[in-house]
Amino acid sequence: MGLPGVGFIGLGNMGLPMARNLLKAGRRLVVHDLNPAVAAPLTAAGATFASSPAEVASAVTGEGGAVFTMLHSGAAVREVYTGADGLLSACKPQTLLVDCSTVEPATAREMSSAAAAHGCDFLDAPVSGGAPGAASASLTFMVGSDSDAAFAAATPFFTQMGKPPVRCGSVGAGLAVKLANNLALSLQMLATAEAFSLGKAQGVDPHVLAQVMNVSTARCWSSDTYNPVPGILEGVPAAREYEGGFATSLMLKDLRLALDAAAAVGAPTPSAEHARRLYRLSAERGFASRDFGSIYAFLEAARGEPDSISVALAEAWAEEAATAAGESFDSGAFGEEVVTAVAETTAPATATTVKIGQDGKVVAPSA
């Protein structure tokens, strides 16, 4: 008897290679994506394409069966699971439902409750390792599960797509860990890009700097495995003009989720706030769809005029503060005086600590 069937919904940069690895492992695979054309490599290798999530559920669910999803937002997750043609409209009891998307932990808990009402187990299992890890079946799965048995049943699927999974706690815990991990990753990549940009500006060969950093205290994944400097590594987005990989827009989404989670529990994240503004600037200057390592190219484009980034950051800071204070912000009135004021202000940009006048200038908060 063959391995239990498995469904996979969401065949983007991550989902497609993950599904391919399940097929390589001998699984009977049924897939779905809003764009049927992206499934062509899988159907050519023996997978079946379903026209809806409900059709996926009808084909593979029941005891021993599983459906994995890799989607771009919490709204997409809710539609795929609970929509009119969603998984739960046709899912048989005792099915494993595993969402690998990076969304709000509250979304995972909501889907878990909906799945339980249908007699199914839901696990949140976001991943780390990027597109290279998905292609090489070396992803790290951060799993939230309310059931020991469900986690054990899902583990063989995980190990066909990556490393042995890490159980982080109950449903939602996998996402909490993923958001903390990606917060750190955003800062790590930014620091790596700044370091290489600084080295290059001083005439240092990037290969020499990489050789040193990768065996020294600055060693990190962003340098030794996913280096953002073109020509350092092969097979990474920097080697192909930052195409593919993990888009800057997606890193911005994850930072927003992490910062929202931090705000909800009162955790201070000042460095991540600063990183979010930098990635936002990078996205606005043409790198939104490029891999987030393109932050290096964004910095290089500002070579010789670093003040342009400082001014843009200060303007973003002031605009956010104005919005929080319920006041208007006139970027046309933004100039040297406001940049100086921002540079000298150490308080967080919140409505209770800063005020933006109608002329667009930061003024000292009242006592």
Protein backbone atom coordinates (compact mmCIF):
# COMPACT_ATOMS: atom_id res chain seq x y z
CA MET A 1 0.00 0.00 0.00
CA GLY A 2 1.38 3.40 -0.93
CA LEU A 3 1.87 6.42 1.25
CA PRO A 4 -1.25 8.40 2.22
CA GLY A 5 -2.26 11.08 -0.26
CA VAL A 6 -1.52 14.71 0.35
CA GLY A 7 -2.91 17.97 -0.96
CA PHE A 8 -0.98 21.19 -1.43
CA ILE A 9 -2.55 24.61 -1.98
CA GLY A 10 -0.45 27.64 -2.90
CA LEU A 11 2.31 27.01 -5.43
CA GLY A 12 4.47 30.11 -5.22
CA ASN A 13 8.23 30.39 -4.72
CA MET A 14 7.99 28.25 -1.58
CA GLY A 15 4.94 26.08 -2.17
CA LEU A 16 5.97 24.72 -5.56
CA PRO A 17 9.29 23.17 -4.46
CA MET A 18 7.74 21.95 -1.20
CA ALA A 19 5.01 20.15 -3.12
CA ARG A 20 7.59 18.77 -5.54
CA ASN A 21 9.47 17.16 -2.66
CA LEU A 22 6.32 15.43 -1.45
CA LEU A 23 5.85 14.07 -4.96
CA LYS A 24 9.48 12.91 -5.07
CA ALA A 25 8.92 11.07 -1.80
CA GLY A 26 6.26 8.94 -3.47
CA ARG A 27 3.17 10.72 -2.23
CA ARG A 28 0.00 10.83 -4.31
CA LEU A 29 -0.27 14.58 -4.72
CA VAL A 30 -3.28 16.79 -5.49
CA VAL A 31 -2.58 20.51 -5.89
CA HIS A 32 -4.42 23.77 -6.32
CA ASP A 33 -3.44 27.36 -7.07
CA LEU A 34 -5.38 30.36 -8.33
CA ASN A 35 -3.04 30.27 -11.34
CA PRO A 36 -3.33 26.75 -12.82
CA ALA A 37 -0.31 27.30 -15.07
CA VAL A 38 2.13 27.24 -12.14
CA ALA A 39 1.16 23.62 -11.44
CA ALA A 40 2.45 22.42 -14.83
CA PRO A 41 5.80 21.08 -13.53
CA LEU A 42 3.96 19.05 -10.91
CA THR A 43 1.23 17.66 -13.13
CA ALA A 44 3.89 16.71 -15.67
CA ALA A 45 5.53 14.67 -12.92
CA GLY A 46 2.33 12.90 -11.89
CA ALA A 47 0.39 15.26 -9.62
CA THR A 48 -3.30 15.98 -10.11
CA PHE A 49 -4.63 19.53 -10.37
CA ALA A 50 -7.86 20.34 -8.51
CA SER A 51 -10.09 23.25 -9.42
CA SER A 52 -10.78 24.31 -5.83
CA PRO A 53 -9.69 23.68 -2.22
CA ALA A 54 -12.88 21.66 -1.75
CA GLU A 55 -11.86 19.38 -4.62
CA VAL A 56 -8.45 18.89 -2.99
CA ALA A 57 -10.18 17.92 0.26
CA SER A 58 -12.46 15.45 -1.50
CA ALA A 59 -9.48 13.77 -3.17
CA VAL A 60 -7.09 13.23 -0.28
CA THR A 61 -8.74 13.73 3.09
CA GLY A 62 -9.68 11.22 5.75
CA GLU A 63 -7.60 9.15 8.17
CA GLY A 64 -3.93 9.33 7.15
CA GLY A 65 -4.49 12.09 4.61
CA ALA A 66 -3.21 15.65 4.88
CA VAL A 67 -3.49 19.01 3.18
CA PHE A 68 -0.75 21.65 3.33
CA THR A 69 -1.28 25.30 2.52
CA MET A 70 1.25 28.04 1.78
CA LEU A 71 -0.58 31.34 1.27
CA HIS A 72 0.20 35.05 1.29
CA SER A 73 -2.15 36.45 3.93
CA GLY A 74 -4.52 35.69 6.76
CA ALA A 75 -7.45 36.60 4.53
CA ALA A 76 -6.29 34.05 1.94
CA VAL A 77 -5.96 31.39 4.64
CA ARG A 78 -9.50 32.01 5.88
CA GLU A 79 -10.89 31.86 2.34
CA VAL A 80 -9.09 28.60 1.52
CA TYR A 81 -10.20 26.92 4.73
CA THR A 82 -13.65 28.35 5.42
CA GLY A 83 -14.82 29.84 2.09
CA ALA A 84 -17.73 28.48 0.09
CA ASP A 85 -15.41 26.10 -1.81
CA GLY A 86 -12.94 25.86 1.04
CA LEU A 87 -11.27 22.81 2.50
CA LEU A 88 -13.67 22.48 5.40
CA SER A 89 -16.68 22.33 3.08
CA ALA A 90 -15.53 18.89 1.91
CA CYS A 91 -12.96 17.73 4.46
CA LYS A 92 -13.43 14.29 6.02
CA PRO A 93 -12.81 13.77 9.76
CA GLN A 94 -9.34 12.78 10.99
CA THR A 95 -7.58 14.79 8.30
CA LEU A 96 -4.41 16.73 9.07
CA LEU A 97 -4.65 20.37 7.98
CA VAL A 98 -1.28 22.12 8.05
CA ASP A 99 -0.83 25.79 7.25
CA CYS A 100 2.74 26.88 6.46
CA SER A 101 1.82 30.51 5.75
CA THR A 102 3.22 33.38 7.80
CA VAL A 103 0.11 35.09 9.15
CA GLU A 104 -1.28 36.34 12.45
CA PRO A 105 -1.21 33.72 15.25
CA ALA A 106 -4.87 34.59 15.87
CA THR A 107 -5.70 33.36 12.36
CA ALA A 108 -4.17 29.98 13.16
CA ARG A 109 -6.21 29.67 16.35
CA GLU A 110 -9.37 30.62 14.44
CA MET A 111 -8.71 27.97 11.78
CA SER A 112 -7.92 25.39 14.46
CA SER A 113 -11.33 25.92 16.05
CA ALA A 114 -13.05 25.67 12.68
CA ALA A 115 -11.16 22.47 11.83
CA ALA A 116 -11.98 20.88 15.20
CA ALA A 117 -15.68 21.44 14.53
CA HIS A 118 -15.23 19.16 11.49
CA GLY A 119 -13.26 16.53 13.37
CA CYS A 120 -9.91 17.58 11.86
CA ASP A 121 -6.58 18.54 13.40
CA PHE A 122 -5.04 21.89 12.42
CA LEU A 123 -1.35 22.76 12.84
CA ASP A 124 0.44 26.00 12.11
CA ALA A 125 3.86 25.23 10.64
CA PRO A 126 5.61 28.27 9.16
CA VAL A 127 9.04 27.64 7.71
CA SER A 128 12.54 29.05 7.65
CA GLY A 129 15.16 28.44 5.00
CA GLY A 130 13.81 30.39 2.06
CA ALA A 131 13.49 29.18 -1.51
CA PRO A 132 16.87 27.36 -1.40
CA GLY A 133 15.71 25.39 1.65
CA ALA A 134 12.42 24.58 -0.02
CA ALA A 135 14.21 23.32 -3.14
CA SER A 136 16.71 21.19 -1.21
CA ALA A 137 14.17 19.85 1.31
CA SER A 138 16.09 21.41 4.20
CA LEU A 139 13.43 23.72 5.62
CA THR A 140 12.96 24.24 9.34
CA PHE A 141 9.32 23.80 10.36
CA MET A 142 8.16 25.68 13.46
CA VAL A 143 5.04 23.84 14.53
CA GLY A 144 2.14 24.78 16.75
CA SER A 145 -0.11 21.84 17.62
CA ASP A 146 -2.66 21.13 20.32
CA SER A 147 -2.27 17.38 19.86
CA ASP A 148 0.71 15.08 20.39
CA ALA A 149 -0.85 12.57 18.01
CA ALA A 150 -1.40 15.15 15.26
CA PHE A 151 2.19 16.37 15.53
CA ALA A 152 3.46 12.77 15.31
CA ALA A 153 1.24 12.07 12.29
CA ALA A 154 2.43 15.20 10.50
CA THR A 155 6.13 14.61 11.14
CA PRO A 156 6.70 12.19 8.20
CA PHE A 157 5.36 14.85 5.84
CA PHE A 158 7.61 17.51 7.39
CA THR A 159 10.74 15.38 7.07
CA GLN A 160 10.06 14.86 3.35
CA MET A 161 10.24 18.63 2.91
CA GLY A 162 12.82 19.58 5.51
CA LYS A 163 14.58 18.88 8.75
CA PRO A 164 12.92 17.20 11.74
CA PRO A 165 10.25 19.69 12.85
CA VAL A 166 10.42 21.75 16.02
CA ARG A 167 7.28 21.73 18.12
CA CYS A 168 7.00 25.21 19.58
CA GLY A 169 3.84 24.75 21.65
CA SER A 170 0.12 24.86 21.06
CA VAL A 171 -1.55 26.20 17.90
CA GLY A 172 -0.23 29.71 17.20
CA ALA A 173 3.16 29.10 18.84
CA GLY A 174 4.80 28.17 15.55
CA LEU A 175 3.82 31.54 14.13
CA ALA A 176 4.96 33.38 17.25
CA VAL A 177 8.40 31.79 16.83
CA LYS A 178 8.45 32.50 13.09
CA LEU A 179 7.68 36.19 13.59
CA ALA A 180 10.46 36.50 16.16
CA ASN A 181 12.85 34.68 13.81
CA ASN A 182 12.01 36.92 10.85
CA LEU A 183 12.31 40.04 12.95
CA ALA A 184 15.89 38.96 13.72
CA LEU A 185 16.48 38.00 10.07
CA SER A 186 15.42 41.42 8.83
CA LEU A 187 17.97 43.07 11.10
CA GLN A 188 20.65 40.50 10.30
CA MET A 189 20.31 41.07 6.55
CA LEU A 190 20.27 44.84 6.97
CA ALA A 191 23.43 44.77 9.11
CA THR A 192 25.14 42.43 6.65
CA ALA A 193 24.26 44.68 3.71
CA GLU A 194 25.51 47.77 5.51
CA ALA A 195 28.76 46.03 6.46
CA PHE A 196 29.48 44.96 2.87
CA SER A 197 28.53 48.39 1.54
CA LEU A 198 30.91 49.99 4.04
CA GLY A 199 33.69 47.58 3.13
CA LYS A 200 33.26 48.19 -0.58
CA ALA A 201 33.28 51.96 -0.06
CA GLN A 202 36.65 51.59 1.68
CA GLY A 203 38.10 49.54 -1.15
CA VAL A 204 37.81 46.12 0.48
CA ASP A 205 37.26 43.14 -1.83
CA PRO A 206 33.79 41.76 -0.89
CA HIS A 207 35.12 38.20 -1.21
CA VAL A 208 37.79 38.95 1.39
CA LEU A 209 35.24 40.52 3.72
CA ALA A 210 32.96 37.50 3.30
CA GLN A 211 35.87 35.14 4.01
CA VAL A 212 36.56 36.94 7.28
CA MET A 213 32.97 37.51 8.38
CA ASN A 214 32.00 33.90 7.74
CA VAL A 215 34.56 32.61 10.25
CA SER A 216 34.35 35.48 12.72
CA THR A 217 31.93 37.00 15.20
CA ALA A 218 29.76 38.51 12.44
CA ARG A 219 29.07 35.11 10.92
CA CYS A 220 25.37 34.64 10.10
CA TRP A 221 23.01 33.04 7.57
CA SER A 222 22.65 36.31 5.68
CA SER A 223 26.39 36.28 4.98
CA ASP A 224 27.50 32.66 4.68
CA THR A 225 24.37 31.14 3.06
CA TYR A 226 22.34 33.97 1.48
CA ASN A 227 24.87 36.72 0.88
CA PRO A 228 23.26 39.84 -0.62
CA VAL A 229 26.33 40.92 -2.61
CA PRO A 230 26.32 39.81 -6.28
CA GLY A 231 29.23 37.51 -7.11
CA ILE A 232 29.82 36.11 -3.62
CA LEU A 233 27.61 33.02 -3.83
CA GLU A 234 25.98 31.09 -6.64
CA GLY A 235 22.37 29.99 -6.59
CA VAL A 236 21.11 32.83 -4.38
CA PRO A 237 18.90 35.76 -5.43
CA ALA A 238 21.86 38.18 -5.45
CA ALA A 239 23.35 36.08 -8.26
CA ARG A 240 20.29 36.69 -10.47
CA GLU A 241 19.53 40.36 -9.85
CA TYR A 242 17.50 39.46 -6.73
CA GLU A 243 14.81 37.64 -8.71
CA GLY A 244 12.96 34.90 -6.84
CA GLY A 245 13.66 34.36 -3.18
CA PHE A 246 11.82 36.22 -0.42
CA ALA A 247 10.42 39.49 -1.73
CA THR A 248 11.00 42.76 0.12
CA SER A 249 7.23 43.21 0.20
CA LEU A 250 6.91 39.92 2.07
CA MET A 251 9.59 40.89 4.55
CA LEU A 252 7.65 44.10 5.13
CA LYS A 253 4.52 42.02 5.75
CA ASP A 254 6.33 39.84 8.30
CA LEU A 255 7.78 42.88 10.04
CA ARG A 256 4.31 44.38 10.27
CA LEU A 257 2.99 41.17 11.81
CA ALA A 258 5.91 41.01 14.25
CA LEU A 259 5.52 44.65 15.26
CA ASP A 260 1.76 44.23 15.69
CA ALA A 261 2.42 41.23 17.93
CA ALA A 262 5.01 43.21 19.88
CA ALA A 263 2.59 46.09 20.38
CA ALA A 264 -0.08 43.69 21.61
CA VAL A 265 2.16 42.36 24.40
CA GLY A 266 4.14 45.52 25.12
CA ALA A 267 7.50 44.21 23.85
CA PRO A 268 9.92 47.01 22.81
CA THR A 269 11.22 46.60 19.23
CA PRO A 270 12.96 49.89 18.30
CA SER A 271 15.49 48.33 15.91
CA ALA A 272 12.77 46.48 14.03
CA GLU A 273 10.80 49.72 13.68
CA HIS A 274 13.86 51.31 12.09
CA ALA A 275 14.38 48.28 9.82
CA ARG A 276 10.77 48.41 8.68
CA ARG A 277 11.20 51.99 7.51
CA LEU A 278 14.37 51.09 5.59
CA TYR A 279 12.74 48.13 3.84
CA ARG A 280 9.76 50.34 3.08
CA LEU A 281 12.03 52.90 1.44
CA SER A 282 13.71 50.13 -0.53
CA ALA A 283 10.31 48.89 -1.72
CA GLU A 284 9.25 52.39 -2.71
CA ARG A 285 12.43 52.78 -4.77
CA GLY A 286 11.78 49.77 -6.95
CA PHE A 287 12.78 46.72 -4.91
CA ALA A 288 9.36 45.60 -3.63
CA SER A 289 9.23 42.46 -5.79
CA ARG A 290 12.95 41.72 -5.49
CA ASP A 291 14.43 39.50 -2.79
CA PHE A 292 14.89 41.32 0.52
CA GLY A 293 18.66 40.98 0.11
CA SER A 294 18.28 43.77 -2.46
CA ILE A 295 18.53 46.10 0.54
CA TYR A 296 22.24 45.95 -0.36
CA ALA A 297 21.51 47.33 -3.85
CA PHE A 298 19.31 49.99 -2.27
CA LEU A 299 22.20 51.10 -0.05
CA GLU A 300 24.65 51.02 -2.93
CA ALA A 301 22.34 53.23 -4.97
CA ALA A 302 22.62 55.85 -2.24
CA ARG A 303 26.44 55.72 -2.22
CA GLY A 304 27.85 59.22 -1.99
CA GLU A 305 24.64 60.72 -0.68
CA PRO A 306 23.81 58.88 2.58
CA ASP A 307 21.91 61.92 3.81
CA SER A 308 19.21 61.12 1.26
CA ILE A 309 18.34 58.00 3.27
CA SER A 310 18.53 59.85 6.57
CA VAL A 311 16.16 62.53 5.32
CA ALA A 312 13.74 59.96 3.90
CA LEU A 313 13.80 58.00 7.17
CA ALA A 314 13.18 61.11 9.20
CA GLU A 315 10.30 62.04 6.92
CA ALA A 316 8.80 58.55 7.30
CA TRP A 317 9.20 58.80 11.08
CA ALA A 318 7.51 62.18 11.17
CA GLU A 319 4.68 61.09 8.88
CA GLU A 320 3.95 58.06 11.08
CA ALA A 321 3.99 60.23 14.18
CA ALA A 322 1.64 62.73 12.56
CA THR A 323 -0.76 59.94 11.66
CA ALA A 324 -0.63 58.57 15.20
CA ALA A 325 -1.33 62.05 16.58
CA GLY A 326 -4.23 62.55 14.19
CA GLU A 327 -2.57 65.52 12.52
CA SER A 328 -1.77 66.32 8.91
CA PHE A 329 1.72 66.02 7.50
CA ASP A 330 3.04 68.21 4.70
CA SER A 331 6.08 66.62 3.13
CA GLY A 332 6.67 69.81 1.18
CA ALA A 333 7.38 71.63 4.43
CA PHE A 334 9.84 68.93 5.46
CA GLY A 335 13.37 70.26 5.66
CA GLU A 336 16.53 70.67 7.68
CA GLU A 337 14.79 71.85 10.82
CA VAL A 338 12.61 68.75 11.09
CA VAL A 339 15.53 66.41 10.30
CA THR A 340 17.52 67.99 13.13
CA ALA A 341 14.56 67.72 15.46
CA VAL A 342 14.11 64.03 14.65
CA ALA A 343 17.81 63.33 15.08
CA GLU A 344 17.77 64.92 18.51
CA THR A 345 14.55 63.25 19.66
CA THR A 346 15.04 59.92 21.42
CA ALA A 347 11.46 59.22 22.45
CA PRO A 348 9.43 56.68 20.44
CA ALA A 349 7.26 57.99 17.65
CA THR A 350 3.87 57.74 19.34
CA ALA A 351 1.03 60.15 19.84
CA THR A 352 1.93 60.61 23.50
CA THR A 353 5.55 61.57 22.93
CA VAL A 354 5.71 63.60 19.75
CA LYS A 355 3.60 66.08 17.86
CA ILE A 356 3.77 67.27 14.28
CA GLY A 357 2.65 70.80 13.62
CA GLN A 358 0.48 71.72 10.66
CA ASP A 359 3.60 73.01 8.93
CA GLY A 360 4.97 69.46 8.94
CA LYS A 361 7.63 70.15 11.56
CA VAL A 362 8.31 68.14 14.69
CA VAL A 363 7.71 70.15 17.83
CA ALA A 364 8.64 69.23 21.37
CA PRO A 365 5.95 67.23 23.18
CA SER A 366 4.12 68.97 25.97
CA ALA A 367 4.88 67.91 29.53
